[in-house]
Amino acid sequence: MSYEHDDILQAVYRVILERKANPSEQSYTASLIRKGNDKILKKLGEEATELVIAGKGGEREEIVYEAADLFFHSLVLLGFHDIPLDAVYDELRRRFGVSGIAEKQSRPIE
């Protein structure tokens, strides 16, 4: 099965939701979701750090591999919280063409 660039994230996200709804003992995704938010966050932090290290090393394949891991674990977090991937796409569309500085200034002060 082949996916276009913009389809693959949705396809992976659908599988994550399927694993959440129908967990299997053999599923890494289901086990991660079963362990809960803190475990998902820990794994996401590890993957982000690994991507930073790969970026520092500058090896293209390693950067791609670690970026894929980070994307995947981000999708797991979204699925755990029942946040549709389209919500992220909508936010990216909202920001598209807006200066990063202007976008940050438009955020409410916390």
PDB file of N, CA and C in Angstrom:
ATOM      1  N   MET A   1       0.842  -1.172   0.000  1.00  0.00           N
ATOM      2  CA  MET A   1       0.000   0.000   0.000  1.00  0.00           C
ATOM      3  C   MET A   1       0.890   1.239   0.000  1.00  0.00           C
ATOM      4  N   SER A   2       0.567   2.190  -0.831  1.00  0.00           N
ATOM      5  CA  SER A   2       1.364   3.405  -0.967  1.00  0.00           C
ATOM      6  C   SER A   2       0.536   4.615  -0.541  1.00  0.00           C
ATOM      7  N   TYR A   3       1.183   5.562   0.106  1.00  0.00           N
ATOM      8  CA  TYR A   3       0.499   6.766   0.565  1.00  0.00           C
ATOM      9  C   TYR A   3       1.237   7.984   0.056  1.00  0.00           C
ATOM     10  N   GLU A   4       0.470   9.016  -0.251  1.00  0.00           N
ATOM     11  CA  GLU A   4       1.065  10.294  -0.586  1.00  0.00           C
ATOM     12  C   GLU A   4       1.616  10.900   0.704  1.00  0.00           C
ATOM     13  N   HIS A   5       2.438  11.924   0.568  1.00  0.00           N
ATOM     14  CA  HIS A   5       3.041  12.553   1.750  1.00  0.00           C
ATOM     15  C   HIS A   5       1.996  12.992   2.766  1.00  0.00           C
ATOM     16  N   ASP A   6       0.917  13.626   2.304  1.00  0.00           N
ATOM     17  CA  ASP A   6      -0.071  14.130   3.245  1.00  0.00           C
ATOM     18  C   ASP A   6      -1.023  13.046   3.739  1.00  0.00           C
ATOM     19  N   ASP A   7      -0.998  11.861   3.149  1.00  0.00           N
ATOM     20  CA  ASP A   7      -1.855  10.770   3.592  1.00  0.00           C
ATOM     21  C   ASP A   7      -1.214   9.923   4.681  1.00  0.00           C
ATOM     22  N   ILE A   8       0.087   9.817   4.702  1.00  0.00           N
ATOM     23  CA  ILE A   8       0.734   8.870   5.595  1.00  0.00           C
ATOM     24  C   ILE A   8       0.517   9.214   7.070  1.00  0.00           C
ATOM     25  N   LEU A   9       0.534  10.477   7.418  1.00  0.00           N
ATOM     26  CA  LEU A   9       0.288  10.826   8.816  1.00  0.00           C
ATOM     27  C   LEU A   9      -1.126  10.437   9.226  1.00  0.00           C
ATOM     28  N   GLN A  10      -2.088  10.679   8.347  1.00  0.00           N
ATOM     29  CA  GLN A  10      -3.469  10.277   8.646  1.00  0.00           C
ATOM     30  C   GLN A  10      -3.573   8.763   8.763  1.00  0.00           C
ATOM     31  N   ALA A  11      -2.896   8.026   7.875  1.00  0.00           N
ATOM     32  CA  ALA A  11      -2.941   6.567   7.914  1.00  0.00           C
ATOM     33  C   ALA A  11      -2.351   6.040   9.222  1.00  0.00           C
ATOM     34  N   VAL A  12      -1.217   6.576   9.619  1.00  0.00           N
ATOM     35  CA  VAL A  12      -0.589   6.149  10.877  1.00  0.00           C
ATOM     36  C   VAL A  12      -1.490   6.516  12.050  1.00  0.00           C
ATOM     37  N   TYR A  13      -2.071   7.703  12.012  1.00  0.00           N
ATOM     38  CA  TYR A  13      -2.955   8.144  13.087  1.00  0.00           C
ATOM     39  C   TYR A  13      -4.170   7.216  13.211  1.00  0.00           C
ATOM     40  N   ARG A  14      -4.730   6.805  12.085  1.00  0.00           N
ATOM     41  CA  ARG A  14      -5.872   5.878  12.111  1.00  0.00           C
ATOM     42  C   ARG A  14      -5.482   4.551  12.762  1.00  0.00           C
ATOM     43  N   VAL A  15      -4.281   4.061  12.470  1.00  0.00           N
ATOM     44  CA  VAL A  15      -3.818   2.814  13.091  1.00  0.00           C
ATOM     45  C   VAL A  15      -3.659   3.005  14.597  1.00  0.00           C
ATOM     46  N   ILE A  16      -3.132   4.151  15.011  1.00  0.00           N
ATOM     47  CA  ILE A  16      -2.988   4.448  16.443  1.00  0.00           C
ATOM     48  C   ILE A  16      -4.349   4.417  17.124  1.00  0.00           C
ATOM     49  N   LEU A  17      -5.350   5.045  16.520  1.00  0.00           N
ATOM     50  CA  LEU A  17      -6.697   5.036  17.096  1.00  0.00           C
ATOM     51  C   LEU A  17      -7.272   3.624  17.135  1.00  0.00           C
ATOM     52  N   GLU A  18      -6.977   2.828  16.112  1.00  0.00           N
ATOM     53  CA  GLU A  18      -7.423   1.438  16.085  1.00  0.00           C
ATOM     54  C   GLU A  18      -6.779   0.649  17.224  1.00  0.00           C
ATOM     55  N   ARG A  19      -5.487   0.859  17.451  1.00  0.00           N
ATOM     56  CA  ARG A  19      -4.789   0.165  18.544  1.00  0.00           C
ATOM     57  C   ARG A  19      -5.330   0.610  19.900  1.00  0.00           C
ATOM     58  N   LYS A  20      -5.724   1.867  19.988  1.00  0.00           N
ATOM     59  CA  LYS A  20      -6.306   2.378  21.232  1.00  0.00           C
ATOM     60  C   LYS A  20      -7.667   1.721  21.480  1.00  0.00           C
ATOM     61  N   ALA A  21      -8.477   1.619  20.440  1.00  0.00           N
ATOM     62  CA  ALA A  21      -9.821   1.053  20.574  1.00  0.00           C
ATOM     63  C   ALA A  21      -9.803  -0.456  20.743  1.00  0.00           C
ATOM     64  N   ASN A  22      -8.839  -1.117  20.110  1.00  0.00           N
ATOM     65  CA  ASN A  22      -8.748  -2.579  20.136  1.00  0.00           C
ATOM     66  C   ASN A  22      -7.327  -3.000  20.495  1.00  0.00           C
ATOM     67  N   PRO A  23      -6.948  -2.810  21.759  1.00  0.00           N
ATOM     68  CA  PRO A  23      -5.566  -3.087  22.146  1.00  0.00           C
ATOM     69  C   PRO A  23      -5.202  -4.560  22.015  1.00  0.00           C
ATOM     70  N   SER A  24      -3.957  -4.775  21.675  1.00  0.00           N
ATOM     71  CA  SER A  24      -3.404  -6.117  21.547  1.00  0.00           C
ATOM     72  C   SER A  24      -2.131  -6.174  22.382  1.00  0.00           C
ATOM     73  N   GLU A  25      -1.866  -7.324  22.956  1.00  0.00           N
ATOM     74  CA  GLU A  25      -0.648  -7.500  23.751  1.00  0.00           C
ATOM     75  C   GLU A  25       0.607  -7.350  22.902  1.00  0.00           C
ATOM     76  N   GLN A  26       0.505  -7.602  21.600  1.00  0.00           N
ATOM     77  CA  GLN A  26       1.656  -7.534  20.708  1.00  0.00           C
ATOM     78  C   GLN A  26       1.877  -6.134  20.140  1.00  0.00           C
ATOM     79  N   SER A  27       1.022  -5.191  20.476  1.00  0.00           N
ATOM     80  CA  SER A  27       1.108  -3.851  19.896  1.00  0.00           C
ATOM     81  C   SER A  27       1.895  -2.908  20.803  1.00  0.00           C
ATOM     82  N   TYR A  28       2.990  -2.377  20.264  1.00  0.00           N
ATOM     83  CA  TYR A  28       3.758  -1.369  20.992  1.00  0.00           C
ATOM     84  C   TYR A  28       2.895  -0.147  21.271  1.00  0.00           C
ATOM     85  N   THR A  29       2.135   0.271  20.281  1.00  0.00           N
ATOM     86  CA  THR A  29       1.275   1.454  20.420  1.00  0.00           C
ATOM     87  C   THR A  29       0.259   1.250  21.533  1.00  0.00           C
ATOM     88  N   ALA A  30      -0.406   0.106  21.535  1.00  0.00           N
ATOM     89  CA  ALA A  30      -1.402  -0.182  22.570  1.00  0.00           C
ATOM     90  C   ALA A  30      -0.764  -0.200  23.952  1.00  0.00           C
ATOM     91  N   SER A  31       0.442  -0.772  24.054  1.00  0.00           N
ATOM     92  CA  SER A  31       1.103  -0.816  25.365  1.00  0.00           C
ATOM     93  C   SER A  31       1.475   0.582  25.835  1.00  0.00           C
ATOM     94  N   LEU A  32       1.895   1.423  24.923  1.00  0.00           N
ATOM     95  CA  LEU A  32       2.243   2.799  25.277  1.00  0.00           C
ATOM     96  C   LEU A  32       1.004   3.556  25.755  1.00  0.00           C
ATOM     97  N   ILE A  33      -0.088   3.407  25.041  1.00  0.00           N
ATOM     98  CA  ILE A  33      -1.334   4.067  25.428  1.00  0.00           C
ATOM     99  C   ILE A  33      -1.819   3.526  26.772  1.00  0.00           C
ATOM    100  N   ARG A  34      -1.719   2.223  26.960  1.00  0.00           N
ATOM    101  CA  ARG A  34      -2.143   1.605  28.220  1.00  0.00           C
ATOM    102  C   ARG A  34      -1.342   2.155  29.405  1.00  0.00           C
ATOM    103  N   LYS A  35      -0.063   2.447  29.189  1.00  0.00           N
ATOM    104  CA  LYS A  35       0.788   2.960  30.272  1.00  0.00           C
ATOM    105  C   LYS A  35       0.478   4.413  30.617  1.00  0.00           C
ATOM    106  N   GLY A  36      -0.206   5.115  29.720  1.00  0.00           N
ATOM    107  CA  GLY A  36      -0.730   6.427  30.056  1.00  0.00           C
ATOM    108  C   GLY A  36       0.088   7.616  29.595  1.00  0.00           C
ATOM    109  N   ASN A  37      -0.441   8.762  29.933  1.00  0.00           N
ATOM    110  CA  ASN A  37       0.084  10.043  29.483  1.00  0.00           C
ATOM    111  C   ASN A  37       1.547  10.245  29.857  1.00  0.00           C
ATOM    112  N   ASP A  38       1.903   9.957  31.106  1.00  0.00           N
ATOM    113  CA  ASP A  38       3.282  10.198  31.544  1.00  0.00           C
ATOM    114  C   ASP A  38       4.287   9.379  30.747  1.00  0.00           C
ATOM    115  N   LYS A  39       3.955   8.123  30.454  1.00  0.00           N
ATOM    116  CA  LYS A  39       4.851   7.269  29.668  1.00  0.00           C
ATOM    117  C   LYS A  39       4.965   7.798  28.237  1.00  0.00           C
ATOM    118  N   ILE A  40       3.856   8.234  27.666  1.00  0.00           N
ATOM    119  CA  ILE A  40       3.875   8.800  26.318  1.00  0.00           C
ATOM    120  C   ILE A  40       4.732  10.058  26.296  1.00  0.00           C
ATOM    121  N   LEU A  41       4.565  10.915  27.290  1.00  0.00           N
ATOM    122  CA  LEU A  41       5.351  12.147  27.360  1.00  0.00           C
ATOM    123  C   LEU A  41       6.839  11.854  27.525  1.00  0.00           C
ATOM    124  N   LYS A  42       7.154  10.870  28.339  1.00  0.00           N
ATOM    125  CA  LYS A  42       8.561  10.484  28.529  1.00  0.00           C
ATOM    126  C   LYS A  42       9.157  10.019  27.204  1.00  0.00           C
ATOM    127  N   LYS A  43       8.425   9.180  26.498  1.00  0.00           N
ATOM    128  CA  LYS A  43       8.905   8.675  25.214  1.00  0.00           C
ATOM    129  C   LYS A  43       9.031   9.802  24.201  1.00  0.00           C
ATOM    130  N   LEU A  44       8.092  10.712  24.192  1.00  0.00           N
ATOM    131  CA  LEU A  44       8.138  11.857  23.279  1.00  0.00           C
ATOM    132  C   LEU A  44       9.372  12.716  23.568  1.00  0.00           C
ATOM    133  N   GLY A  45       9.663  12.936  24.838  1.00  0.00           N
ATOM    134  CA  GLY A  45      10.857  13.682  25.220  1.00  0.00           C
ATOM    135  C   GLY A  45      12.133  12.987  24.779  1.00  0.00           C
ATOM    136  N   GLU A  46      12.172  11.664  24.935  1.00  0.00           N
ATOM    137  CA  GLU A  46      13.343  10.898  24.493  1.00  0.00           C
ATOM    138  C   GLU A  46      13.543  11.036  22.986  1.00  0.00           C
ATOM    139  N   GLU A  47      12.440  10.933  22.246  1.00  0.00           N
ATOM    140  CA  GLU A  47      12.532  11.024  20.783  1.00  0.00           C
ATOM    141  C   GLU A  47      12.956  12.418  20.341  1.00  0.00           C
ATOM    142  N   ALA A  48      12.467  13.447  21.017  1.00  0.00           N
ATOM    143  CA  ALA A  48      12.874  14.820  20.687  1.00  0.00           C
ATOM    144  C   ALA A  48      14.366  14.994  20.929  1.00  0.00           C
ATOM    145  N   THR A  49      14.849  14.461  22.039  1.00  0.00           N
ATOM    146  CA  THR A  49      16.278  14.545  22.345  1.00  0.00           C
ATOM    147  C   THR A  49      17.104  13.792  21.305  1.00  0.00           C
ATOM    148  N   GLU A  50      16.636  12.617  20.910  1.00  0.00           N
ATOM    149  CA  GLU A  50      17.357  11.841  19.897  1.00  0.00           C
ATOM    150  C   GLU A  50      17.405  12.581  18.557  1.00  0.00           C
ATOM    151  N   LEU A  51      16.344  13.292  18.228  1.00  0.00           N
ATOM    152  CA  LEU A  51      16.350  14.082  16.994  1.00  0.00           C
ATOM    153  C   LEU A  51      17.340  15.240  17.098  1.00  0.00           C
ATOM    154  N   VAL A  52      17.397  15.873  18.243  1.00  0.00           N
ATOM    155  CA  VAL A  52      18.365  16.955  18.451  1.00  0.00           C
ATOM    156  C   VAL A  52      19.783  16.425  18.283  1.00  0.00           C
ATOM    157  N   ILE A  53      20.070  15.277  18.876  1.00  0.00           N
ATOM    158  CA  ILE A  53      21.407  14.677  18.768  1.00  0.00           C
ATOM    159  C   ILE A  53      21.705  14.320  17.314  1.00  0.00           C
ATOM    160  N   ALA A  54      20.716  13.754  16.621  1.00  0.00           N
ATOM    161  CA  ALA A  54      20.911  13.411  15.207  1.00  0.00           C
ATOM    162  C   ALA A  54      21.158  14.673  14.385  1.00  0.00           C
ATOM    163  N   GLY A  55      20.425  15.731  14.691  1.00  0.00           N
ATOM    164  CA  GLY A  55      20.633  17.000  13.982  1.00  0.00           C
ATOM    165  C   GLY A  55      22.022  17.544  14.208  1.00  0.00           C
ATOM    166  N   LYS A  56      22.500  17.414  15.408  1.00  0.00           N
ATOM    167  CA  LYS A  56      23.853  17.862  15.721  1.00  0.00           C
ATOM    168  C   LYS A  56      24.882  17.039  14.951  1.00  0.00           C
ATOM    169  N   GLY A  57      24.613  15.739  14.804  1.00  0.00           N
ATOM    170  CA  GLY A  57      25.529  14.866  14.075  1.00  0.00           C
ATOM    171  C   GLY A  57      25.501  15.096  12.571  1.00  0.00           C
ATOM    172  N   GLY A  58      24.387  15.572  12.072  1.00  0.00           N
ATOM    173  CA  GLY A  58      24.286  15.937  10.668  1.00  0.00           C
ATOM    174  C   GLY A  58      24.125  14.799   9.679  1.00  0.00           C
ATOM    175  N   GLU A  59      23.924  13.570  10.161  1.00  0.00           N
ATOM    176  CA  GLU A  59      23.736  12.436   9.257  1.00  0.00           C
ATOM    177  C   GLU A  59      22.283  12.401   8.787  1.00  0.00           C
ATOM    178  N   ARG A  60      22.091  12.589   7.481  1.00  0.00           N
ATOM    179  CA  ARG A  60      20.751  12.699   6.904  1.00  0.00           C
ATOM    180  C   ARG A  60      19.834  11.545   7.308  1.00  0.00           C
ATOM    181  N   GLU A  61      20.288  10.300   7.138  1.00  0.00           N
ATOM    182  CA  GLU A  61      19.442   9.141   7.426  1.00  0.00           C
ATOM    183  C   GLU A  61      19.029   9.098   8.895  1.00  0.00           C
ATOM    184  N   GLU A  62      19.950   9.447   9.761  1.00  0.00           N
ATOM    185  CA  GLU A  62      19.656   9.439  11.196  1.00  0.00           C
ATOM    186  C   GLU A  62      18.639  10.531  11.542  1.00  0.00           C
ATOM    187  N   ILE A  63      18.780  11.682  10.939  1.00  0.00           N
ATOM    188  CA  ILE A  63      17.821  12.767  11.164  1.00  0.00           C
ATOM    189  C   ILE A  63      16.434  12.341  10.705  1.00  0.00           C
ATOM    190  N   VAL A  64      16.349  11.759   9.516  1.00  0.00           N
ATOM    191  CA  VAL A  64      15.059  11.297   8.987  1.00  0.00           C
ATOM    192  C   VAL A  64      14.447  10.250   9.909  1.00  0.00           C
ATOM    193  N   TYR A  65      15.238   9.279  10.324  1.00  0.00           N
ATOM    194  CA  TYR A  65      14.772   8.203  11.200  1.00  0.00           C
ATOM    195  C   TYR A  65      14.227   8.762  12.513  1.00  0.00           C
ATOM    196  N   GLU A  66      14.979   9.651  13.128  1.00  0.00           N
ATOM    197  CA  GLU A  66      14.558  10.217  14.414  1.00  0.00           C
ATOM    198  C   GLU A  66      13.365  11.156  14.262  1.00  0.00           C
ATOM    199  N   ALA A  67      13.297  11.882  13.155  1.00  0.00           N
ATOM    200  CA  ALA A  67      12.135  12.742  12.899  1.00  0.00           C
ATOM    201  C   ALA A  67      10.877  11.890  12.767  1.00  0.00           C
ATOM    202  N   ALA A  68      10.993  10.747  12.087  1.00  0.00           N
ATOM    203  CA  ALA A  68       9.849   9.839  11.960  1.00  0.00           C
ATOM    204  C   ALA A  68       9.412   9.330  13.334  1.00  0.00           C
ATOM    205  N   ASP A  69      10.375   8.988  14.192  1.00  0.00           N
ATOM    206  CA  ASP A  69      10.041   8.557  15.552  1.00  0.00           C
ATOM    207  C   ASP A  69       9.309   9.662  16.314  1.00  0.00           C
ATOM    208  N   LEU A  70       9.792  10.892  16.170  1.00  0.00           N
ATOM    209  CA  LEU A  70       9.157  12.008  16.865  1.00  0.00           C
ATOM    210  C   LEU A  70       7.740  12.250  16.332  1.00  0.00           C
ATOM    211  N   PHE A  71       7.567  12.207  15.021  1.00  0.00           N
ATOM    212  CA  PHE A  71       6.232  12.354  14.439  1.00  0.00           C
ATOM    213  C   PHE A  71       5.306  11.265  14.983  1.00  0.00           C
ATOM    214  N   PHE A  72       5.784  10.017  14.958  1.00  0.00           N
ATOM    215  CA  PHE A  72       4.961   8.903  15.416  1.00  0.00           C
ATOM    216  C   PHE A  72       4.519   9.101  16.862  1.00  0.00           C
ATOM    217  N   HIS A  73       5.449   9.406  17.732  1.00  0.00           N
ATOM    218  CA  HIS A  73       5.100   9.548  19.140  1.00  0.00           C
ATOM    219  C   HIS A  73       4.239  10.782  19.393  1.00  0.00           C
ATOM    220  N   SER A  74       4.371  11.802  18.565  1.00  0.00           N
ATOM    221  CA  SER A  74       3.460  12.955  18.640  1.00  0.00           C
ATOM    222  C   SER A  74       2.043  12.522  18.282  1.00  0.00           C
ATOM    223  N   LEU A  75       1.924  11.667  17.273  1.00  0.00           N
ATOM    224  CA  LEU A  75       0.610  11.146  16.885  1.00  0.00           C
ATOM    225  C   LEU A  75       0.009  10.291  17.997  1.00  0.00           C
ATOM    226  N   VAL A  76       0.838   9.522  18.693  1.00  0.00           N
ATOM    227  CA  VAL A  76       0.347   8.731  19.819  1.00  0.00           C
ATOM    228  C   VAL A  76      -0.220   9.655  20.893  1.00  0.00           C
ATOM    229  N   LEU A  77       0.480  10.734  21.194  1.00  0.00           N
ATOM    230  CA  LEU A  77      -0.010  11.693  22.191  1.00  0.00           C
ATOM    231  C   LEU A  77      -1.344  12.297  21.756  1.00  0.00           C
ATOM    232  N   LEU A  78      -1.441  12.682  20.495  1.00  0.00           N
ATOM    233  CA  LEU A  78      -2.707  13.224  19.990  1.00  0.00           C
ATOM    234  C   LEU A  78      -3.824  12.191  20.125  1.00  0.00           C
ATOM    235  N   GLY A  79      -3.545  10.958  19.732  1.00  0.00           N
ATOM    236  CA  GLY A  79      -4.546   9.908  19.825  1.00  0.00           C
ATOM    237  C   GLY A  79      -4.959   9.623  21.262  1.00  0.00           C
ATOM    238  N   PHE A  80      -3.997   9.635  22.162  1.00  0.00           N
ATOM    239  CA  PHE A  80      -4.293   9.398  23.575  1.00  0.00           C
ATOM    240  C   PHE A  80      -5.295  10.424  24.090  1.00  0.00           C
ATOM    241  N   HIS A  81      -5.138  11.670  23.640  1.00  0.00           N
ATOM    242  CA  HIS A  81      -6.007  12.758  24.090  1.00  0.00           C
ATOM    243  C   HIS A  81      -7.200  12.992  23.162  1.00  0.00           C
ATOM    244  N   ASP A  82      -7.399  12.097  22.187  1.00  0.00           N
ATOM    245  CA  ASP A  82      -8.510  12.211  21.244  1.00  0.00           C
ATOM    246  C   ASP A  82      -8.517  13.544  20.504  1.00  0.00           C
ATOM    247  N   ILE A  83      -7.333  14.010  20.155  1.00  0.00           N
ATOM    248  CA  ILE A  83      -7.191  15.238  19.372  1.00  0.00           C
ATOM    249  C   ILE A  83      -6.975  14.826  17.924  1.00  0.00           C
ATOM    250  N   PRO A  84      -7.892  15.174  17.041  1.00  0.00           N
ATOM    251  CA  PRO A  84      -7.719  14.762  15.645  1.00  0.00           C
ATOM    252  C   PRO A  84      -6.523  15.452  15.003  1.00  0.00           C
ATOM    253  N   LEU A  85      -5.871  14.734  14.121  1.00  0.00           N
ATOM    254  CA  LEU A  85      -4.730  15.289  13.403  1.00  0.00           C
ATOM    255  C   LEU A  85      -5.126  16.547  12.643  1.00  0.00           C
ATOM    256  N   ASP A  86      -6.374  16.598  12.203  1.00  0.00           N
ATOM    257  CA  ASP A  86      -6.844  17.790  11.495  1.00  0.00           C
ATOM    258  C   ASP A  86      -6.751  19.052  12.349  1.00  0.00           C
ATOM    259  N   ALA A  87      -6.819  18.924  13.666  1.00  0.00           N
ATOM    260  CA  ALA A  87      -6.670  20.088  14.544  1.00  0.00           C
ATOM    261  C   ALA A  87      -5.274  20.686  14.401  1.00  0.00           C
ATOM    262  N   VAL A  88      -4.277  19.820  14.271  1.00  0.00           N
ATOM    263  CA  VAL A  88      -2.902  20.297  14.079  1.00  0.00           C
ATOM    264  C   VAL A  88      -2.763  20.907  12.687  1.00  0.00           C
ATOM    265  N   TYR A  89      -3.328  20.230  11.682  1.00  0.00           N
ATOM    266  CA  TYR A  89      -3.296  20.785  10.316  1.00  0.00           C
ATOM    267  C   TYR A  89      -3.950  22.165  10.285  1.00  0.00           C
ATOM    268  N   ASP A  90      -5.086  22.300  10.968  1.00  0.00           N
ATOM    269  CA  ASP A  90      -5.780  23.598  11.003  1.00  0.00           C
ATOM    270  C   ASP A  90      -4.913  24.671  11.648  1.00  0.00           C
ATOM    271  N   GLU A  91      -4.226  24.299  12.727  1.00  0.00           N
ATOM    272  CA  GLU A  91      -3.356  25.269  13.397  1.00  0.00           C
ATOM    273  C   GLU A  91      -2.193  25.672  12.497  1.00  0.00           C
ATOM    274  N   LEU A  92      -1.623  24.697  11.787  1.00  0.00           N
ATOM    275  CA  LEU A  92      -0.534  25.023  10.858  1.00  0.00           C
ATOM    276  C   LEU A  92      -1.039  25.913   9.723  1.00  0.00           C
ATOM    277  N   ARG A  93      -2.241  25.627   9.216  1.00  0.00           N
ATOM    278  CA  ARG A  93      -2.820  26.483   8.169  1.00  0.00           C
ATOM    279  C   ARG A  93      -3.032  27.901   8.691  1.00  0.00           C
ATOM    280  N   ARG A  94      -3.501  28.014   9.946  1.00  0.00           N
ATOM    281  CA  ARG A  94      -3.730  29.334  10.539  1.00  0.00           C
ATOM    282  C   ARG A  94      -2.432  30.126  10.604  1.00  0.00           C
ATOM    283  N   ARG A  95      -1.333  29.437  10.920  1.00  0.00           N
ATOM    284  CA  ARG A  95      -0.046  30.110  11.057  1.00  0.00           C
ATOM    285  C   ARG A  95       0.659  30.358   9.735  1.00  0.00           C
ATOM    286  N   PHE A  96       0.279  29.617   8.707  1.00  0.00           N
ATOM    287  CA  PHE A  96       0.976  29.692   7.423  1.00  0.00           C
ATOM    288  C   PHE A  96       0.930  31.112   6.872  1.00  0.00           C
ATOM    289  N   GLY A  97       2.084  31.620   6.518  1.00  0.00           N
ATOM    290  CA  GLY A  97       2.166  32.955   5.950  1.00  0.00           C
ATOM    291  C   GLY A  97       2.172  34.072   6.984  1.00  0.00           C
ATOM    292  N   VAL A  98       2.151  33.688   8.263  1.00  0.00           N
ATOM    293  CA  VAL A  98       2.191  34.679   9.340  1.00  0.00           C
ATOM    294  C   VAL A  98       3.597  34.653   9.926  1.00  0.00           C
ATOM    295  N   SER A  99       4.158  35.803  10.139  1.00  0.00           N
ATOM    296  CA  SER A  99       5.475  35.888  10.762  1.00  0.00           C
ATOM    297  C   SER A  99       5.443  35.177  12.103  1.00  0.00           C
ATOM    298  N   GLY A 100       6.477  34.407  12.399  1.00  0.00           N
ATOM    299  CA  GLY A 100       6.577  33.733  13.684  1.00  0.00           C
ATOM    300  C   GLY A 100       6.546  34.704  14.844  1.00  0.00           C
ATOM    301  N   ILE A 101       7.152  35.850  14.662  1.00  0.00           N
ATOM    302  CA  ILE A 101       7.154  36.873  15.710  1.00  0.00           C
ATOM    303  C   ILE A 101       5.742  37.400  15.921  1.00  0.00           C
ATOM    304  N   ALA A 102       5.041  37.697  14.827  1.00  0.00           N
ATOM    305  CA  ALA A 102       3.673  38.200  14.927  1.00  0.00           C
ATOM    306  C   ALA A 102       2.754  37.146  15.546  1.00  0.00           C
ATOM    307  N   GLU A 103       2.940  35.892  15.180  1.00  0.00           N
ATOM    308  CA  GLU A 103       2.103  34.822  15.711  1.00  0.00           C
ATOM    309  C   GLU A 103       2.296  34.700  17.217  1.00  0.00           C
ATOM    310  N   LYS A 104       3.545  34.750  17.686  1.00  0.00           N
ATOM    311  CA  LYS A 104       3.806  34.657  19.126  1.00  0.00           C
ATOM    312  C   LYS A 104       3.208  35.858  19.870  1.00  0.00           C
ATOM    313  N   GLN A 105       3.282  37.034  19.266  1.00  0.00           N
ATOM    314  CA  GLN A 105       2.741  38.231  19.903  1.00  0.00           C
ATOM    315  C   GLN A 105       1.216  38.191  19.985  1.00  0.00           C
ATOM    316  N   SER A 106       0.574  37.407  19.107  1.00  0.00           N
ATOM    317  CA  SER A 106      -0.886  37.324  19.113  1.00  0.00           C
ATOM    318  C   SER A 106      -1.415  36.364  20.183  1.00  0.00           C
ATOM    319  N   ARG A 107      -0.532  35.596  20.800  1.00  0.00           N
ATOM    320  CA  ARG A 107      -0.961  34.635  21.826  1.00  0.00           C
ATOM    321  C   ARG A 107      -1.318  35.368  23.116  1.00  0.00           C
ATOM    322  N   PRO A 108      -2.312  34.828  23.830  1.00  0.00           N
ATOM    323  CA  PRO A 108      -2.642  35.452  25.124  1.00  0.00           C
ATOM    324  C   PRO A 108      -1.476  35.308  26.104  1.00  0.00           C
ATOM    325  N   ILE A 109      -1.289  36.297  26.924  1.00  0.00           N
ATOM    326  CA  ILE A 109      -0.220  36.267  27.936  1.00  0.00           C
ATOM    327  C   ILE A 109      -0.689  35.374  29.074  1.00  0.00           C
ATOM    328  N   GLU A 110       0.201  34.458  29.475  1.00  0.00           N
ATOM    329  CA  GLU A 110      -0.154  33.530  30.573  1.00  0.00           C
ATOM    330  C   GLU A 110       0.562  33.898  31.824  1.00  0.00           C
TER     331      GLU A 110
END
